[in-house]
């Protein structure tokens, strides 16, 4: 569930090489680019979304004004790569940035976050009292939901470098740490999930909900199955996990959409390559050995109907991206 943080070799696409060049944690520690780009997508939609699918009104605070300006300039410039004709028609940086966020930056990020927290709300009604966020990045849930203190313990798990940056930025912001928030830094090349949670205040006897977003696409199939098996082994019956994944068509020449092909090219160049996907029709059988049962498996068309139907702002479900909910039998 870790994202690669080593930079790739060869020519780098300027948007991802330069856009976060002034974020000190990347300069000093080679942290995850995708974690910050995810945070920015959530922030952008919270500020600019006409009808908010997901409102992360705190995410902008993770960037200084200088960092946001640098990032926005490069993201707007990247529209020339994703859609040259559209880029040529944009009169200014703001309009180019808006189009980039419509076609590449926001839809998958905000819809999967909404789906996860919708499922969490339902799970809490059934007794879930622990929320484990795998690959948490710059997640702000515990700060956005102080009303859940006393009802829900929140455990954020991520690479030590990513968490070190987050903690440093929170200290700079002067935010008071919620009492129900727990940080668990884990380097999964050296540690495992069960061991990490076992050394924390996580209670394996209490119903838990696991959120695992934006990570499986950077892992091979064996790693995904191993992680789900680990979750099944440490959470009691009735617990659930939400994760997103790409279908196998995204990795098949002639079937992958242009947007996915371009995304794969970019993340490959910055050292965080996409590794694989699953056949939606075979997912339940593929993961049967992980000790959980498939409860919901949303296709892009399902996601479009649930979160994007009727919108007039150009936002649509991301092609090849699926959301699923797994539960303990």
Protein backbone atom coordinates (compact mmCIF):
# COMPACT_ATOMS: atom_id res chain seq x y z
CA UNK A 1 0.00 0.00 0.00
CA UNK A 2 3.00 2.26 -0.28
CA UNK A 3 3.54 4.49 -3.25
CA UNK A 4 6.96 4.56 -4.82
CA UNK A 5 8.83 7.71 -3.99
CA UNK A 6 11.98 7.26 -6.06
CA UNK A 7 12.14 9.40 -9.19
CA UNK A 8 12.16 7.69 -12.57
CA UNK A 9 14.98 8.03 -15.05
CA UNK A 10 14.77 9.46 -18.54
CA UNK A 11 12.96 12.62 -19.68
CA UNK A 12 10.48 13.94 -17.15
CA UNK A 13 7.20 15.53 -18.05
CA UNK A 14 7.50 19.14 -16.76
CA UNK A 15 4.17 19.35 -14.95
CA UNK A 16 5.05 16.71 -12.38
CA UNK A 17 8.76 17.42 -12.28
CA UNK A 18 8.40 21.15 -11.76
CA UNK A 19 4.96 21.77 -10.31
CA UNK A 20 5.89 20.78 -6.78
CA UNK A 21 9.57 21.71 -6.96
CA UNK A 22 9.11 24.29 -4.23
CA UNK A 23 7.36 22.00 -1.77
CA UNK A 24 10.13 21.50 0.73
CA UNK A 25 9.24 17.95 1.68
CA UNK A 26 9.66 16.79 -1.90
CA UNK A 27 12.98 18.60 -2.23
CA UNK A 28 14.32 17.21 1.03
CA UNK A 29 12.75 13.79 1.38
CA UNK A 30 11.45 12.67 -2.04
CA UNK A 31 7.91 12.19 -0.78
CA UNK A 32 4.94 11.11 -2.82
CA UNK A 33 3.86 13.44 -5.59
CA UNK A 34 0.50 11.70 -5.89
CA UNK A 35 -0.34 12.41 -2.24
CA UNK A 36 -0.03 16.15 -2.79
CA UNK A 37 -1.74 16.14 -6.18
CA UNK A 38 -4.66 14.29 -4.58
CA UNK A 39 -4.83 16.92 -1.83
CA UNK A 40 -4.81 19.69 -4.41
CA UNK A 41 -7.63 18.09 -6.42
CA UNK A 42 -9.78 17.89 -3.30
CA UNK A 43 -8.93 21.48 -2.44
CA UNK A 44 -9.67 22.78 -5.93
CA UNK A 45 -13.11 21.19 -6.03
CA UNK A 46 -13.95 22.50 -2.57
CA UNK A 47 -13.22 26.05 -3.72
CA UNK A 48 -14.41 25.97 -7.32
CA UNK A 49 -16.98 23.16 -7.52
CA UNK A 50 -20.41 24.41 -8.60
CA UNK A 51 -22.26 21.62 -6.80
CA UNK A 52 -19.79 19.89 -4.53
CA UNK A 53 -19.50 16.14 -4.77
CA UNK A 54 -17.01 16.18 -1.92
CA UNK A 55 -16.18 19.20 0.23
CA UNK A 56 -12.67 19.08 1.65
CA UNK A 57 -12.62 22.72 2.73
CA UNK A 58 -9.37 22.25 4.64
CA UNK A 59 -7.13 20.77 1.95
CA UNK A 60 -5.91 24.12 0.57
CA UNK A 61 -4.12 24.77 3.85
CA UNK A 62 -1.52 22.11 3.12
CA UNK A 63 -0.02 24.39 0.46
CA UNK A 64 1.57 27.77 0.92
CA UNK A 65 0.51 30.53 -1.44
CA UNK A 66 3.79 30.13 -3.32
CA UNK A 67 3.36 26.37 -3.64
CA UNK A 68 -0.23 26.74 -4.91
CA UNK A 69 0.78 29.33 -7.48
CA UNK A 70 3.62 27.14 -8.76
CA UNK A 71 1.41 24.06 -8.89
CA UNK A 72 -1.49 25.81 -10.61
CA UNK A 73 0.77 27.32 -13.24
CA UNK A 74 2.19 23.93 -14.16
CA UNK A 75 -1.13 22.09 -14.03
CA UNK A 76 -2.64 24.66 -16.38
CA UNK A 77 0.33 24.26 -18.69
CA UNK A 78 -0.14 20.49 -18.71
CA UNK A 79 -3.48 20.85 -20.51
CA UNK A 80 -1.39 21.23 -23.68
CA UNK A 81 -0.33 17.63 -23.19
CA UNK A 82 -3.74 16.17 -22.36
CA UNK A 83 -5.88 18.21 -24.77
CA UNK A 84 -3.93 20.50 -27.13
CA UNK A 85 -7.03 21.78 -28.93
CA UNK A 86 -8.76 22.72 -25.69
CA UNK A 87 -5.59 24.34 -24.38
CA UNK A 88 -5.37 26.50 -27.49
CA UNK A 89 -8.90 27.80 -26.87
CA UNK A 90 -8.29 28.78 -23.23
CA UNK A 91 -7.74 32.54 -22.87
CA UNK A 92 -5.90 32.41 -19.55
CA UNK A 93 -4.34 30.24 -16.88
CA UNK A 94 -7.51 29.99 -14.79
CA UNK A 95 -9.56 28.56 -17.64
CA UNK A 96 -6.80 26.13 -18.61
CA UNK A 97 -6.53 24.97 -15.00
CA UNK A 98 -10.29 24.51 -14.79
CA UNK A 99 -10.30 22.29 -17.87
CA UNK A 100 -7.37 20.25 -16.62
CA UNK A 101 -9.15 19.63 -13.34
CA UNK A 102 -12.32 18.59 -15.17
CA UNK A 103 -10.68 16.02 -17.41
CA UNK A 104 -7.81 14.79 -15.27
CA UNK A 105 -7.50 16.25 -11.79
CA UNK A 106 -10.77 16.05 -9.88
CA UNK A 107 -13.41 13.48 -10.90
CA UNK A 108 -11.79 10.26 -9.69
CA UNK A 109 -10.41 11.83 -6.53
CA UNK A 110 -13.56 13.53 -5.32
CA UNK A 111 -15.95 10.70 -6.22
CA UNK A 112 -13.90 7.98 -4.54
CA UNK A 113 -13.56 10.14 -1.41
CA UNK A 114 -17.30 10.72 -1.38
CA UNK A 115 -17.99 7.03 -1.87
CA UNK A 116 -15.68 6.03 0.98
CA UNK A 117 -17.18 8.47 3.45
CA UNK A 118 -20.73 7.62 2.37
CA UNK A 119 -19.96 3.96 3.07
CA UNK A 120 -18.37 4.88 6.38
CA UNK A 121 -21.49 6.72 7.49
CA UNK A 122 -23.57 3.61 6.77
CA UNK A 123 -21.05 1.39 8.53
CA UNK A 124 -21.14 3.54 11.66
CA UNK A 125 -24.88 2.97 11.87
CA UNK A 126 -24.04 -0.75 12.12
CA UNK A 127 -21.57 -0.32 14.94
CA UNK A 128 -18.24 0.55 13.31
CA UNK A 129 -16.16 2.61 15.71
CA UNK A 130 -12.67 2.51 14.13
CA UNK A 131 -11.69 4.09 10.80
CA UNK A 132 -8.35 3.07 9.28
CA UNK A 133 -7.14 5.17 6.35
CA UNK A 134 -4.46 3.34 4.39
CA UNK A 135 -2.19 5.61 2.35
CA UNK A 136 -3.80 8.58 4.10
CA UNK A 137 -1.62 11.28 2.55
CA UNK A 138 -3.02 14.71 3.37
CA UNK A 139 -6.45 13.41 4.42
CA UNK A 140 -8.38 15.86 6.63
CA UNK A 141 -11.24 13.66 7.84
CA UNK A 142 -10.46 13.86 11.56
CA UNK A 143 -10.28 17.66 11.37
CA UNK A 144 -13.44 17.96 9.28
CA UNK A 145 -15.46 15.72 11.59
CA UNK A 146 -14.82 16.79 15.19
CA UNK A 147 -18.40 15.75 15.88
CA UNK A 148 -17.30 12.12 15.70
CA UNK A 149 -14.84 12.38 18.57
CA UNK A 150 -15.88 9.82 21.13
CA UNK A 151 -17.73 7.75 18.54
CA UNK A 152 -14.99 6.97 16.00
CA UNK A 153 -11.25 6.46 16.37
CA UNK A 154 -9.32 7.47 13.22
CA UNK A 155 -6.02 5.77 12.32
CA UNK A 156 -3.93 7.24 9.51
CA UNK A 157 -1.35 4.89 8.00
CA UNK A 158 1.25 6.07 5.51
CA UNK A 159 4.94 6.13 4.71
CA UNK A 160 7.04 7.83 7.42
CA UNK A 161 8.22 10.57 5.03
CA UNK A 162 4.68 11.45 4.00
CA UNK A 163 3.50 11.56 7.60
CA UNK A 164 6.55 13.59 8.64
CA UNK A 165 5.63 16.27 6.11
CA UNK A 166 2.00 16.25 7.17
CA UNK A 167 2.86 16.59 10.84
CA UNK A 168 5.30 19.39 10.06
CA UNK A 169 2.69 21.26 8.03
CA UNK A 170 0.04 20.77 10.73
CA UNK A 171 2.45 22.22 13.27
CA UNK A 172 3.08 25.22 11.01
CA UNK A 173 -0.67 25.71 10.65
CA UNK A 174 -1.15 25.57 14.41
CA UNK A 175 -4.00 23.07 14.16
CA UNK A 176 -4.89 21.28 17.38
CA UNK A 177 -4.69 17.51 16.98
CA UNK A 178 -8.09 15.83 17.42
CA UNK A 179 -8.15 13.41 20.30
CA UNK A 180 -9.58 10.64 18.12
CA UNK A 181 -6.80 10.88 15.51
CA UNK A 182 -3.83 8.49 15.52
CA UNK A 183 -0.81 8.53 13.19
CA UNK A 184 0.87 5.23 12.34
CA UNK A 185 3.96 5.65 10.12
CA UNK A 186 4.73 2.43 8.26
CA UNK A 187 7.36 1.51 5.71
CA UNK A 188 5.81 -1.59 4.18
CA UNK A 189 9.15 -2.69 2.76
CA UNK A 190 10.16 -3.35 6.38
CA UNK A 191 6.89 -3.74 8.32
CA UNK A 192 3.43 -5.25 7.86
CA UNK A 193 -0.05 -3.94 8.53
CA UNK A 194 -0.87 -6.31 11.34
CA UNK A 195 2.32 -5.50 13.17
CA UNK A 196 1.87 -1.77 12.76
CA UNK A 197 -1.71 -1.78 14.03
CA UNK A 198 -0.77 -4.18 16.80
CA UNK A 199 1.65 -1.63 18.23
CA UNK A 200 -1.01 1.11 18.20
CA UNK A 201 -4.21 1.67 20.14
CA UNK A 202 -6.19 -0.09 17.40
CA UNK A 203 -8.54 -2.67 18.96
CA UNK A 204 -8.85 -5.84 16.82
CA UNK A 205 -12.04 -6.72 18.66
CA UNK A 206 -14.00 -3.68 17.51
CA UNK A 207 -15.79 -3.23 14.19
CA UNK A 208 -13.57 -1.34 11.78
CA UNK A 209 -13.84 0.38 8.41
CA UNK A 210 -10.78 0.56 6.13
CA UNK A 211 -10.39 3.11 3.35
CA UNK A 212 -7.76 2.28 0.72
CA UNK A 213 -7.97 4.86 -2.07
CA UNK A 214 -5.64 5.72 -4.91
CA UNK A 215 -3.17 2.99 -3.98
CA UNK A 216 -4.02 -0.35 -5.61
CA UNK A 217 -3.15 0.99 -9.05
CA UNK A 218 0.48 1.30 -7.91
CA UNK A 219 0.61 -2.33 -6.69
CA UNK A 220 0.66 -5.66 -8.45
CA UNK A 221 -2.16 -8.13 -7.96
CA UNK A 222 -0.30 -10.20 -5.37
CA UNK A 223 0.33 -7.12 -3.22
CA UNK A 224 -3.34 -6.10 -3.36
CA UNK A 225 -4.52 -9.57 -2.37
CA UNK A 226 -1.95 -9.77 0.43
CA UNK A 227 -3.12 -6.47 1.88
CA UNK A 228 -6.79 -7.47 1.78
CA UNK A 229 -5.88 -10.76 3.43
CA UNK A 230 -4.05 -8.82 6.16
CA UNK A 231 -7.11 -6.64 6.75
CA UNK A 232 -9.33 -9.71 6.99
CA UNK A 233 -6.93 -11.15 9.54
CA UNK A 234 -6.93 -8.18 11.92
CA UNK A 235 -10.54 -6.97 11.72
CA UNK A 236 -13.55 -8.76 13.26
CA UNK A 237 -16.56 -10.04 11.36
CA UNK A 238 -18.74 -7.19 10.18
CA UNK A 239 -15.80 -4.93 9.29
CA UNK A 240 -15.48 -3.48 5.79
CA UNK A 241 -12.94 -2.06 3.35
CA UNK A 242 -13.43 0.33 0.43
CA UNK A 243 -10.89 0.48 -2.37
CA UNK A 244 -10.69 1.66 -5.95
CA UNK A 245 -9.04 -0.10 -8.86
CA UNK A 246 -8.48 0.13 -12.60
CA UNK A 247 -9.93 -2.53 -14.86
CA UNK A 248 -7.62 -4.61 -17.04
CA UNK A 249 -8.69 -2.71 -20.17
CA UNK A 250 -6.72 0.27 -18.85
CA UNK A 251 -3.56 -1.77 -19.47
CA UNK A 252 -4.60 -3.24 -22.81
CA UNK A 253 -3.46 -1.52 -26.04
CA UNK A 254 -6.44 -0.55 -28.13
CA UNK A 255 -8.84 -0.62 -25.17
CA UNK A 256 -7.34 1.94 -22.79
CA UNK A 257 -8.74 5.46 -23.07
CA UNK A 258 -6.42 8.25 -24.14
CA UNK A 259 -6.64 9.88 -20.71
CA UNK A 260 -5.50 6.71 -18.96
CA UNK A 261 -2.70 6.18 -21.46
CA UNK A 262 -1.42 9.70 -20.79
CA UNK A 263 -1.76 9.27 -17.04
CA UNK A 264 0.24 6.04 -17.18
CA UNK A 265 2.96 7.77 -19.17
CA UNK A 266 3.26 10.64 -16.71
CA UNK A 267 3.39 8.63 -13.49
CA UNK A 268 5.86 6.23 -15.09
CA UNK A 269 8.21 9.12 -15.78
CA UNK A 270 8.14 10.39 -12.21
CA UNK A 271 8.81 6.99 -10.69
CA UNK A 272 5.30 6.05 -9.50
CA UNK A 273 4.18 3.66 -12.25
CA UNK A 274 0.76 2.06 -12.51
CA UNK A 275 1.20 -1.70 -12.16
CA UNK A 276 -2.06 -3.47 -12.86
CA UNK A 277 -5.79 -3.88 -12.62
CA UNK A 278 -8.57 -6.41 -12.22
CA UNK A 279 -11.31 -7.81 -14.41
CA UNK A 280 -14.52 -6.49 -12.74
CA UNK A 281 -16.43 -9.65 -13.67
CA UNK A 282 -13.81 -11.86 -12.06
CA UNK A 283 -13.01 -9.68 -9.05
CA UNK A 284 -15.00 -11.69 -6.52
CA UNK A 285 -13.33 -14.93 -7.61
CA UNK A 286 -9.86 -13.35 -7.84
CA UNK A 287 -10.05 -12.09 -4.27
CA UNK A 288 -12.01 -14.98 -2.78
CA UNK A 289 -8.94 -16.16 -0.92
CA UNK A 290 -8.56 -12.82 0.85
CA UNK A 291 -11.18 -13.80 3.41
CA UNK A 292 -13.82 -11.21 2.52
CA UNK A 293 -16.91 -11.05 0.34
CA UNK A 294 -17.72 -8.52 -2.36
CA UNK A 295 -20.65 -6.33 -1.28
CA UNK A 296 -20.62 -3.69 -4.02
CA UNK A 297 -18.62 -3.19 -7.22
CA UNK A 298 -19.32 0.09 -9.02
CA UNK A 299 -18.40 0.50 -12.68
CA UNK A 300 -17.64 3.88 -14.26
CA UNK A 301 -21.24 4.03 -15.51
CA UNK A 302 -22.51 3.29 -11.99
CA UNK A 303 -20.29 6.04 -10.58
CA UNK A 304 -21.49 8.43 -13.29
CA UNK A 305 -25.13 7.81 -12.34
CA UNK A 306 -24.48 8.12 -8.62
CA UNK A 307 -22.31 11.24 -8.51
CA UNK A 308 -22.20 12.99 -11.89
CA UNK A 309 -25.61 12.59 -13.52
CA UNK A 310 -27.13 15.91 -14.56
CA UNK A 311 -24.00 17.99 -13.97
CA UNK A 312 -23.30 20.73 -16.50
CA UNK A 313 -19.73 21.56 -15.48
CA UNK A 314 -17.95 18.91 -17.57
CA UNK A 315 -17.25 16.56 -14.65
CA UNK A 316 -17.70 12.87 -15.42
CA UNK A 317 -16.69 9.56 -13.88
CA UNK A 318 -13.16 8.51 -14.75
CA UNK A 319 -12.90 5.81 -17.38
CA UNK A 320 -11.66 2.39 -16.25
CA UNK A 321 -11.91 3.33 -12.55
CA UNK A 322 -14.07 1.17 -10.28
CA UNK A 323 -15.03 1.43 -6.59
CA UNK A 324 -15.81 -1.57 -4.45
CA UNK A 325 -16.89 -2.41 -0.94
CA UNK A 326 -15.72 -5.59 0.71
CA UNK A 327 -16.87 -6.97 4.02
CA UNK A 328 -16.05 -9.66 6.49
CA UNK A 329 -18.32 -12.65 6.08
